[in-house]
Protein backbone atom coordinates (compact mmCIF):
# COMPACT_ATOMS: atom_id res chain seq x y z
CA MET A 1 -10.91 -94.24 190.88
CA ARG A 2 -11.56 -97.97 190.49
CA ARG A 3 -13.74 -99.25 193.29
CA THR A 4 -13.68 -102.98 192.60
CA LYS A 5 -10.47 -104.61 193.93
CA ILE A 6 -8.19 -106.92 191.90
CA ILE A 7 -6.63 -110.03 193.32
CA ALA A 8 -3.64 -111.61 191.52
CA THR A 9 -2.30 -115.13 192.20
CA LEU A 10 1.50 -115.41 192.47
CA GLY A 11 3.49 -118.11 190.68
CA PRO A 12 6.42 -118.61 188.32
CA ALA A 13 5.26 -115.87 185.94
CA THR A 14 5.29 -113.26 188.69
CA ASP A 15 8.82 -114.23 189.74
CA GLU A 16 10.31 -112.48 186.72
CA PRO A 17 12.44 -109.53 187.82
CA GLY A 18 10.34 -106.36 188.25
CA MET A 19 7.01 -108.16 187.61
CA LEU A 20 5.57 -107.66 191.17
CA GLU A 21 6.23 -103.96 190.89
CA LYS A 22 4.54 -103.91 187.47
CA LEU A 23 1.51 -105.65 188.94
CA ILE A 24 1.17 -103.20 191.80
CA ASP A 25 1.57 -100.31 189.32
CA ALA A 26 -1.12 -101.94 187.10
CA GLY A 27 -3.59 -101.93 189.98
CA VAL A 28 -3.32 -105.14 192.09
CA ASP A 29 -4.85 -104.59 195.52
CA VAL A 30 -4.39 -108.14 196.92
CA PHE A 31 -1.95 -110.93 196.18
CA ARG A 32 -2.83 -114.62 196.61
CA LEU A 33 -0.36 -117.29 197.74
CA ASN A 34 -1.70 -120.64 196.49
CA TYR A 35 -0.67 -123.24 199.05
CA SER A 36 -1.71 -126.04 196.65
CA HIS A 37 1.51 -125.27 194.72
CA GLN A 38 5.05 -124.20 195.45
CA THR A 39 6.95 -124.46 198.72
CA HIS A 40 6.86 -122.51 201.97
CA ALA A 41 10.18 -120.96 201.01
CA ASP A 42 8.64 -119.72 197.75
CA HIS A 43 5.68 -118.16 199.59
CA GLU A 44 7.90 -116.51 202.17
CA ARG A 45 10.18 -115.07 199.56
CA ARG A 46 7.29 -113.65 197.62
CA MET A 47 5.73 -112.24 200.78
CA ASN A 48 8.94 -110.46 201.66
CA GLU A 49 9.17 -108.92 198.20
CA ILE A 50 5.54 -107.75 198.35
CA ARG A 51 6.06 -106.06 201.69
CA GLU A 52 9.30 -104.35 200.50
CA ILE A 53 7.66 -103.04 197.25
CA SER A 54 4.41 -101.94 198.88
CA HIS A 55 6.34 -100.13 201.60
CA ALA A 56 8.53 -98.38 199.00
CA HIS A 57 5.42 -97.30 197.06
CA LYS A 58 3.50 -96.39 200.23
CA HIS A 59 0.69 -98.56 198.92
CA ALA A 60 -1.15 -100.99 201.16
CA VAL A 61 -1.39 -104.43 199.53
CA ALA A 62 -3.09 -107.37 201.24
CA VAL A 63 -2.01 -111.01 201.00
CA ILE A 64 -4.26 -114.13 201.02
CA ALA A 65 -2.96 -117.56 201.97
CA ASP A 66 -5.23 -119.94 200.06
CA LEU A 67 -5.20 -123.43 201.66
CA GLN A 68 -5.57 -126.52 199.48
CA GLY A 69 -8.21 -128.24 201.57
CA PRO A 70 -9.46 -131.79 200.89
CA LYS A 71 -8.93 -131.65 197.14
CA ILE A 72 -9.75 -135.20 196.09
CA ARG A 73 -7.65 -136.49 193.24
CA ILE A 74 -7.03 -139.73 191.42
CA GLU A 75 -3.58 -141.28 191.92
CA HIS A 76 -1.07 -142.12 189.19
CA PHE A 77 -1.13 -144.33 186.12
CA LYS A 78 1.83 -146.61 185.30
CA ASP A 79 2.28 -144.78 181.96
CA GLY A 80 1.18 -141.37 183.18
CA LYS A 81 -2.17 -141.35 181.33
CA ILE A 82 -4.77 -143.55 179.70
CA GLN A 83 -7.62 -143.31 177.12
CA LEU A 84 -11.12 -144.01 178.52
CA PRO A 85 -13.59 -145.00 175.80
CA GLU A 86 -17.29 -144.28 176.41
CA GLY A 87 -19.17 -147.35 177.64
CA ALA A 88 -16.03 -148.94 179.12
CA ASN A 89 -15.90 -150.39 182.61
CA PHE A 90 -13.54 -148.52 184.95
CA LYS A 91 -12.94 -148.85 188.69
CA ILE A 92 -11.86 -146.39 191.40
CA ASN A 93 -10.02 -148.54 193.96
CA THR A 94 -9.27 -146.75 197.21
CA ALA A 95 -6.85 -149.53 198.25
CA LEU A 96 -4.78 -149.43 195.04
CA ALA A 97 -1.11 -148.44 195.31
CA THR A 98 -0.32 -144.89 194.19
CA GLU A 99 1.52 -145.84 190.98
CA ASP A 100 -0.55 -148.85 189.91
CA GLY A 101 -3.31 -147.21 187.83
CA ASP A 102 -4.04 -148.68 184.37
CA GLU A 103 -6.81 -148.89 181.78
CA SER A 104 -9.02 -150.77 184.23
CA GLN A 105 -8.63 -148.96 187.52
CA VAL A 106 -6.90 -146.16 189.45
CA GLY A 107 -6.35 -145.25 193.09
CA VAL A 108 -7.56 -142.09 194.84
CA THR A 109 -6.09 -139.76 197.46
CA TYR A 110 -9.27 -139.75 199.58
CA LYS A 111 -9.44 -143.27 201.10
CA GLU A 112 -13.02 -142.84 202.39
CA LEU A 113 -14.51 -142.21 198.91
CA ALA A 114 -16.10 -145.66 198.74
CA LYS A 115 -18.03 -144.89 201.90
CA ASP A 116 -19.39 -141.65 200.49
CA VAL A 117 -20.75 -142.84 197.14
CA LYS A 118 -23.42 -145.30 196.12
CA ALA A 119 -24.89 -146.89 193.04
CA GLU A 120 -26.40 -144.41 190.53
CA ASP A 121 -24.10 -141.57 191.65
CA ASN A 122 -22.01 -139.74 189.07
CA LEU A 123 -18.35 -138.99 189.62
CA LEU A 124 -16.88 -136.07 187.65
CA ILE A 125 -13.13 -136.03 186.96
CA ASP A 126 -10.97 -133.18 185.66
CA ASP A 127 -13.64 -130.48 186.08
CA GLY A 128 -16.26 -132.68 184.45
CA LYS A 129 -14.33 -133.64 181.34
CA ILE A 130 -14.66 -137.29 182.36
CA VAL A 131 -17.98 -138.58 183.76
CA LEU A 132 -18.26 -141.95 185.50
CA HIS A 133 -21.59 -143.53 186.45
CA VAL A 134 -21.39 -145.66 189.60
CA ASN A 135 -22.83 -149.13 189.06
CA SER A 136 -21.94 -150.59 192.43
CA VAL A 137 -19.69 -150.17 195.48
CA GLU A 138 -18.11 -153.22 197.17
CA GLY A 139 -15.50 -152.72 199.82
CA THR A 140 -12.74 -150.45 198.45
CA ILE A 141 -13.90 -150.77 194.82
CA ILE A 142 -16.23 -148.34 193.10
CA ASP A 143 -17.31 -150.00 189.87
CA CYS A 144 -18.23 -147.47 187.14
CA GLU A 145 -19.35 -147.10 183.55
CA VAL A 146 -17.63 -144.38 181.45
CA ILE A 147 -20.37 -141.94 180.37
CA THR A 148 -18.03 -139.27 178.92
CA GLY A 149 -14.65 -140.52 177.97
CA GLY A 150 -11.35 -139.09 176.88
CA GLU A 151 -7.73 -138.81 177.97
CA LEU A 152 -7.16 -139.13 181.72
CA SER A 153 -3.80 -138.33 183.33
CA ASN A 154 -2.37 -138.35 186.82
CA ASN A 155 -3.68 -136.22 189.77
CA LYS A 156 -6.96 -135.04 188.23
CA GLY A 157 -9.59 -133.89 190.67
CA ILE A 158 -12.79 -135.78 191.49
CA ASN A 159 -16.18 -134.37 192.41
CA LEU A 160 -19.38 -136.08 193.35
CA GLN A 161 -22.21 -134.58 191.31
CA GLY A 162 -24.65 -132.92 193.68
CA GLY A 163 -22.04 -132.93 196.49
CA GLY A 164 -21.98 -135.05 199.64
CA LEU A 165 -18.40 -135.98 200.26
CA SER A 166 -17.58 -135.99 203.94
CA ALA A 167 -13.93 -134.98 203.87
CA SER A 168 -12.99 -132.44 206.49
CA ALA A 169 -12.52 -128.81 205.29
CA VAL A 170 -9.13 -128.57 207.00
CA THR A 171 -6.55 -131.28 206.44
CA GLU A 172 -3.24 -132.07 208.22
CA LYS A 173 -1.46 -130.34 205.33
CA ASP A 174 -3.64 -127.27 205.84
CA ILE A 175 -2.69 -127.03 209.49
CA VAL A 176 1.01 -127.06 208.62
CA ASP A 177 0.40 -124.44 205.94
CA MET A 178 -1.77 -122.39 208.32
CA LYS A 179 1.13 -122.23 210.81
CA HIS A 180 3.40 -121.01 208.04
CA ALA A 181 0.84 -118.42 206.93
CA ALA A 182 0.66 -117.18 210.53
CA LYS A 183 4.41 -116.99 210.73
CA ILE A 184 4.69 -114.73 207.64
CA LYS A 185 1.67 -112.67 208.83
CA VAL A 186 -0.73 -112.93 205.93
CA ASP A 187 -3.83 -110.75 206.06
CA PHE A 188 -6.39 -113.37 205.02
CA ILE A 189 -6.53 -117.13 205.13
CA ALA A 190 -8.88 -118.88 202.69
CA ILE A 191 -10.27 -122.29 203.63
CA SER A 192 -11.38 -124.67 200.91
CA PHE A 193 -14.54 -126.80 200.68
CA PRO A 194 -16.34 -125.81 203.96
CA ARG A 195 -19.65 -127.67 204.22
CA ASP A 196 -21.33 -125.65 206.99
CA GLY A 197 -20.80 -123.06 209.69
CA ASN A 198 -19.15 -125.57 212.02
CA ASP A 199 -16.37 -126.15 209.45
CA VAL A 200 -15.73 -122.41 209.41
CA LYS A 201 -15.75 -122.14 213.21
CA ASN A 202 -13.36 -125.06 213.56
CA ALA A 203 -11.02 -123.51 211.02
CA ARG A 204 -11.08 -120.19 212.91
CA LYS A 205 -10.18 -122.00 216.16
CA MET A 206 -7.29 -123.68 214.36
CA MET A 207 -6.16 -120.27 213.09
CA ASP A 208 -6.25 -118.92 216.65
CA ASP A 209 -4.28 -121.93 217.86
CA CYS A 210 -1.67 -121.26 215.13
CA GLY A 211 -1.37 -117.66 216.35
CA SER A 212 -2.89 -116.11 213.21
CA ASN A 213 -4.66 -112.78 213.35
CA ALA A 214 -5.73 -113.05 209.71
CA GLN A 215 -9.32 -112.69 208.59
CA LEU A 216 -11.02 -115.88 207.35
CA ILE A 217 -12.32 -116.33 203.80
CA SER A 218 -14.62 -119.28 203.09
CA LYS A 219 -14.42 -120.61 199.56
CA ILE A 220 -17.85 -121.66 198.35
CA GLU A 221 -17.21 -124.69 196.14
CA ARG A 222 -19.31 -127.55 197.53
CA ALA A 223 -22.92 -128.10 196.53
CA GLU A 224 -23.92 -128.79 200.18
CA ALA A 225 -22.40 -125.47 201.27
CA LEU A 226 -25.31 -123.77 199.50
CA ASN A 227 -27.70 -125.52 201.94
CA HIS A 228 -25.85 -123.91 204.87
CA ILE A 229 -24.78 -120.72 203.19
CA GLU A 230 -26.13 -118.21 205.72
CA GLU A 231 -24.31 -119.85 208.63
CA ILE A 232 -21.12 -120.08 206.55
CA ILE A 233 -21.25 -116.39 205.68
CA GLU A 234 -22.09 -115.47 209.24
CA ALA A 235 -19.02 -117.38 210.58
CA SER A 236 -16.70 -115.88 207.93
CA ASP A 237 -15.12 -112.51 207.39
CA ALA A 238 -15.50 -112.88 203.60
CA ILE A 239 -16.48 -115.50 201.01
CA MET A 240 -14.95 -116.48 197.70
CA ILE A 241 -17.21 -117.79 194.93
CA ALA A 242 -14.88 -120.51 193.62
CA ARG A 243 -16.68 -121.33 190.42
CA GLY A 244 -14.53 -124.26 189.33
CA ASP A 245 -15.49 -127.07 191.75
CA LEU A 246 -18.82 -125.43 192.52
CA GLY A 247 -19.78 -125.41 188.85
CA VAL A 248 -18.83 -129.08 188.53
CA GLU A 249 -20.97 -130.05 191.49
CA ILE A 250 -24.12 -127.99 190.77
CA GLY A 251 -23.83 -127.76 186.98
CA ASP A 252 -22.67 -124.87 184.81
CA ALA A 253 -26.16 -123.58 184.06
CA SER A 254 -26.84 -123.05 187.78
CA LEU A 255 -23.71 -120.98 188.37
CA PRO A 256 -24.88 -117.50 187.17
CA PRO A 257 -27.94 -117.20 189.45
CA VAL A 258 -26.06 -118.75 192.36
CA GLN A 259 -23.21 -116.26 191.88
CA LYS A 260 -25.64 -113.33 191.87
CA SER A 261 -27.39 -114.66 194.97
CA LEU A 262 -24.13 -115.15 196.87
CA ILE A 263 -22.90 -111.64 196.06
CA LYS A 264 -26.15 -110.08 197.28
CA MET A 265 -26.31 -112.25 200.35
CA ALA A 266 -22.73 -111.49 201.41
CA ARG A 267 -23.32 -107.79 201.02
CA ASP A 268 -26.61 -107.95 202.90
CA MET A 269 -24.81 -109.73 205.75
CA ASP A 270 -21.99 -107.09 205.79
CA ARG A 271 -19.31 -109.49 204.49
CA ALA A 272 -16.83 -109.00 201.69
CA VAL A 273 -17.19 -111.18 198.59
CA ILE A 274 -14.65 -112.32 195.93
CA THR A 275 -15.60 -113.68 192.50
CA ALA A 276 -13.03 -116.15 191.18
CA THR A 277 -12.04 -118.73 188.59
CA GLN A 278 -11.44 -118.39 184.83
CA MET A 279 -12.38 -114.70 184.72
CA MET A 280 -9.85 -113.89 181.96
CA GLU A 281 -8.34 -117.30 181.37
CA SER A 282 -7.74 -116.80 177.66
CA MET A 283 -5.15 -114.18 178.61
CA ILE A 284 -2.83 -116.90 179.88
CA GLU A 285 -1.91 -117.19 176.20
CA HIS A 286 -3.27 -113.99 174.58
CA LYS A 287 -2.84 -110.27 175.14
CA ILE A 288 -6.55 -109.39 175.02
CA PRO A 289 -9.57 -111.04 176.73
CA THR A 290 -12.52 -112.57 174.95
CA ARG A 291 -15.74 -110.61 174.82
CA ALA A 292 -17.38 -113.30 177.00
CA GLU A 293 -14.66 -112.73 179.66
CA VAL A 294 -15.23 -108.98 179.53
CA PHE A 295 -18.97 -109.51 180.14
CA ASP A 296 -18.23 -111.97 182.98
CA VAL A 297 -16.03 -109.50 184.86
CA ALA A 298 -18.43 -106.61 184.21
CA ASN A 299 -21.44 -108.55 185.42
CA ALA A 300 -19.69 -109.47 188.68
CA VAL A 301 -18.86 -105.78 189.17
CA ILE A 302 -22.41 -104.65 188.47
CA ASP A 303 -23.72 -107.27 190.86
CA GLY A 304 -21.55 -105.74 193.63
CA THR A 305 -18.58 -108.05 194.12
CA ASP A 306 -15.84 -106.52 196.29
CA ALA A 307 -13.05 -108.15 194.31
CA VAL A 308 -12.39 -110.13 191.14
CA MET A 309 -9.59 -112.71 191.18
CA LEU A 310 -7.05 -113.84 188.66
CA SER A 311 -5.46 -117.30 189.01
CA GLY A 312 -3.49 -118.89 186.15
CA GLU A 313 -3.72 -115.66 184.25
CA THR A 314 -1.06 -114.10 186.51
CA SER A 315 0.62 -117.14 188.13
CA ILE A 316 1.61 -118.94 184.89
CA GLY A 317 0.40 -116.63 182.11
CA HIS A 318 2.54 -114.87 179.53
CA TYR A 319 1.20 -111.38 180.28
CA PRO A 320 0.51 -110.95 184.02
CA ASP A 321 0.61 -107.14 184.00
CA LYS A 322 -1.46 -106.88 180.81
CA VAL A 323 -4.28 -108.99 182.22
CA VAL A 324 -4.44 -106.76 185.35
CA GLU A 325 -4.59 -103.67 183.16
CA ALA A 326 -7.34 -105.24 181.08
CA MET A 327 -9.37 -106.28 184.16
CA SER A 328 -8.97 -102.80 185.66
CA ARG A 329 -10.34 -101.17 182.46
CA VAL A 330 -13.40 -103.45 182.48
CA CYS A 331 -14.10 -102.77 186.17
CA GLU A 332 -13.87 -99.02 185.77
CA GLU A 333 -16.23 -98.99 182.83
CA ALA A 334 -18.77 -101.25 184.54
CA GLU A 335 -18.72 -99.00 187.63
CA LYS A 336 -20.04 -96.13 185.52
CA GLN A 337 -23.45 -97.79 185.24
CA ARG A 338 -26.10 -95.99 187.29
CA SER A 339 -27.28 -99.25 188.89
CA VAL A 340 -23.87 -99.63 190.53
CA ARG A 341 -24.31 -96.29 192.30
CA ILE A 342 -27.72 -96.70 193.96
CA SER A 343 -28.71 -98.75 196.97
CA ASP A 344 -31.46 -99.52 199.48
CA HIS A 345 -29.09 -101.62 201.64
CA ARG A 346 -30.63 -102.20 205.09
CA ILE A 347 -32.97 -99.24 204.69
CA ASN A 348 -35.71 -101.03 206.59
CA GLN A 349 -33.50 -102.83 209.13
CA ARG A 350 -32.40 -102.02 212.66
CA PHE A 351 -28.73 -101.16 213.18
CA GLU A 352 -27.08 -103.19 215.95
CA THR A 353 -24.35 -100.75 217.01
CA ILE A 354 -23.71 -97.00 217.19
CA SER A 355 -20.77 -97.43 214.78
CA GLU A 356 -22.99 -99.17 212.23
CA ALA A 357 -25.65 -96.49 212.57
CA VAL A 358 -23.07 -93.74 211.96
CA ALA A 359 -21.66 -95.66 208.96
CA MET A 360 -25.06 -96.10 207.34
CA SER A 361 -26.19 -92.54 208.08
CA SER A 362 -22.96 -91.13 206.63
CA MET A 363 -23.39 -92.96 203.34
CA TYR A 364 -27.03 -91.88 202.88
CA SER A 365 -26.17 -88.29 203.84
CA ALA A 366 -23.23 -88.28 201.44
CA ASN A 367 -25.35 -89.57 198.60
CA HIS A 368 -28.10 -87.00 199.19
CA ILE A 369 -25.91 -83.97 199.93
CA GLY A 370 -23.72 -84.56 196.91
CA ALA A 371 -20.52 -85.13 198.91
CA LYS A 372 -17.31 -85.78 196.98
CA ALA A 373 -15.70 -88.10 199.53
CA ILE A 374 -15.95 -89.74 202.93
CA CYS A 375 -13.13 -89.76 205.46
CA ALA A 376 -13.38 -92.51 208.10
CA LEU A 377 -11.01 -92.49 211.07
CA THR A 378 -10.88 -96.17 211.93
CA GLU A 379 -9.04 -98.65 214.10
CA THR A 380 -10.33 -101.97 212.77
CA GLY A 381 -11.90 -100.99 209.41
CA GLY A 382 -15.36 -102.10 210.55
CA THR A 383 -16.99 -98.74 209.87
CA CYS A 384 -15.54 -98.79 206.35
CA LEU A 385 -16.83 -102.26 205.68
CA TRP A 386 -20.38 -101.19 206.64
CA MET A 387 -20.06 -98.07 204.47
CA SER A 388 -18.85 -100.09 201.50
CA ARG A 389 -21.97 -102.32 201.56
CA ILE A 390 -23.98 -99.37 200.22
CA SER A 391 -23.68 -99.06 196.44
CA SER A 392 -22.28 -95.62 195.70
CA GLY A 393 -19.85 -93.78 193.49
CA LEU A 394 -18.31 -92.08 196.49
CA PRO A 395 -14.77 -92.90 197.51
CA ILE A 396 -14.32 -93.92 201.16
CA PHE A 397 -10.91 -92.97 202.52
CA ALA A 398 -9.96 -95.03 205.55
CA PHE A 399 -7.50 -93.11 207.73
CA THR A 400 -5.83 -95.48 210.20
CA ARG A 401 -2.58 -95.84 212.10
CA HIS A 402 -2.59 -99.66 211.84
CA THR A 403 -0.72 -101.33 208.96
CA SER A 404 -2.78 -104.49 209.34
CA THR A 405 -6.01 -102.53 209.05
CA ARG A 406 -4.84 -100.73 205.91
CA ARG A 407 -4.05 -104.04 204.29
CA ARG A 408 -7.32 -105.62 205.30
CA ILE A 409 -9.47 -102.87 203.92
CA ALA A 410 -7.63 -103.04 200.63
CA MET A 411 -10.13 -105.85 199.93
CA TYR A 412 -13.26 -103.72 200.47
CA ARG A 413 -15.00 -102.25 197.47
CA GLY A 414 -14.64 -98.47 197.20
CA VAL A 415 -12.44 -98.14 200.26
CA TYR A 416 -8.95 -96.64 200.00
CA PRO A 417 -6.50 -97.02 202.92
CA MET A 418 -4.58 -93.99 204.16
CA LYS A 419 -1.85 -93.88 206.81
CA PHE A 420 -2.80 -91.55 209.67
CA ASP A 421 -2.28 -91.57 213.43
CA ILE A 422 -5.11 -89.79 215.26
CA THR A 423 -3.71 -90.49 218.77
CA HIS A 424 -1.05 -87.76 218.48
CA THR A 425 -3.25 -85.18 216.71
CA ASP A 426 -5.73 -82.61 217.96
CA PRO A 427 -9.25 -83.53 216.68
CA LEU A 428 -9.81 -80.25 214.83
CA GLU A 429 -6.30 -80.41 213.37
CA ALA A 430 -7.02 -84.00 212.30
CA ASN A 431 -9.96 -82.80 210.20
CA LYS A 432 -7.80 -80.24 208.49
CA GLN A 433 -5.05 -82.72 207.79
CA MET A 434 -7.42 -85.18 206.21
CA ILE A 435 -9.05 -82.57 204.02
CA ASP A 436 -5.60 -81.22 203.06
CA LYS A 437 -4.61 -84.72 201.95
CA LEU A 438 -7.67 -85.04 199.71
CA ILE A 439 -6.96 -81.62 198.22
CA GLU A 440 -3.34 -82.60 197.59
CA ASP A 441 -4.49 -85.81 195.83
CA GLY A 442 -6.94 -83.88 193.69
CA VAL A 443 -9.98 -85.57 195.15
CA VAL A 444 -11.76 -82.40 196.38
CA GLU A 445 -11.55 -78.64 195.98
CA ASP A 446 -13.08 -75.51 197.59
CA GLY A 447 -16.82 -75.73 197.93
CA ASP A 448 -17.00 -79.53 197.90
CA PHE A 449 -18.71 -81.40 200.75
CA VAL A 450 -16.78 -84.07 202.67
CA ILE A 451 -18.17 -86.27 205.43
CA ILE A 452 -15.87 -87.28 208.29
CA THR A 453 -16.64 -90.10 210.80
CA LYS A 454 -14.68 -90.75 213.96
CA GLY A 455 -15.00 -91.51 217.64
CA ASP A 456 -14.79 -89.39 220.75
CA LEU A 457 -12.38 -91.92 222.28
CA ARG A 458 -9.37 -91.72 219.98
CA GLY A 459 -7.56 -94.96 219.32
CA LYS A 460 -10.36 -97.23 220.68
CA ARG A 461 -11.81 -100.15 218.75
CA GLY A 462 -15.51 -99.82 217.80
CA GLY A 463 -15.61 -96.25 218.98
CA THR A 464 -17.05 -94.44 215.87
CA ASN A 465 -19.94 -92.37 217.26
CA ASN A 466 -20.09 -89.04 215.32
CA MET A 467 -20.27 -87.63 211.86
CA LYS A 468 -19.25 -84.19 210.64
CA ILE A 469 -20.17 -82.57 207.31
CA ILE A 470 -17.43 -80.21 206.12
CA GLN A 471 -17.43 -77.90 203.18
CA VAL A 472 -13.96 -77.51 201.84
CA GLY A 473 -12.72 -73.98 202.47
CA GLN A 474 -15.06 -73.41 205.42
CA ALA A 475 -13.67 -73.12 208.93
CA LEU A 476 -16.43 -75.12 210.67
CA GLY A 477 -18.43 -78.23 209.92
CA HIS A 478 -21.71 -79.54 211.19
CA THR A 479 -21.69 -82.46 213.59
CA LEU A 480 -24.55 -84.87 213.61
């Protein structure tokens, strides 16, 4: 069973008849609605189709609403594009009309840019394909020298090398989109470009004000976010390593160690982590990935990422289902490495709650007793999240009555959601029903050990307080 989860971005390519069903069959665990593109009607239509298909297949699939955030872009050129020769003078004019760009200057969507940059800064346009060196800033005009030239067209993004732009993480557009995401009941909302923990806390308050019960994902894509990373992770439910803008701001060579560090830090702090951007981008056009892409995905899996994300590969690519199948194969093979199955997670740390202590004890017991599976009766999925932070080859089956919980834990590495209502079932009968389900699915057989975690107070949040070791085929288990 593949433990690493796959996220697929929706778009025109996934609107083909039958494609969403193919993607779920191929192994998609989470779908992403990109609010930078398409309309609210498009997102709502796709959400309805996802819910219908996942219900028909009895397969919990989560949905992320990914907000655009303060993506800073140049405005338009009169002729749509220009050629910028190296060494030329070029100006960013924050007061220039939207359509008045030419070979000498262009406007920008972020009108405060001139206040955020200074002489000697470097501005990177179109993911660093164009590099401008700032000579001076006067009023609304940023006077630059072209260091790296080339073709420049409308709406390309701008980054300040090293970070430092003060644009708020949540824009007016984001608030409108957040309200829509709350209306259609997405499972996660991803905020773009948070700078620190306060940005995340403010976003969560806005989500509450919009009536959203979604979990919050912080996209790490600003250089300055790395200076406040612990507080950002602490304030978030999950993080996404958005390697596009982050790579532009900190430099490509810095990305690999930063990615490894972020994955480890998120897991150590009991948060989920997504690795994203250009993971199999060549498959937008081709049926097989490059070897470099295979290594990229495998390394993220070996480092412990909860999920790997596809963007243009599924939203506009020619082979959406094929790329999911390819990514799934790579994940499964990488998960066979011994290093992926061992862990010393929090072995020397104090546990803050009884539920967390039971979760950690269960995983270590399961690893040492040679258990085949773990069954966690859960209301919120918190116990399963803690369990999934420990590297292991053991499947964690989350039995819960709540649809929202089953969708949420679809993101967690090695956790598989199961529909089950404990409130109407005798505790001993519940144990039997869960084991019978695992036998039916071919997960366990007579003689295998299974660990069950649950609470004395059935149906209560945060109530996991006991663990039972059961040997399949035996009438009694041992409670710890």
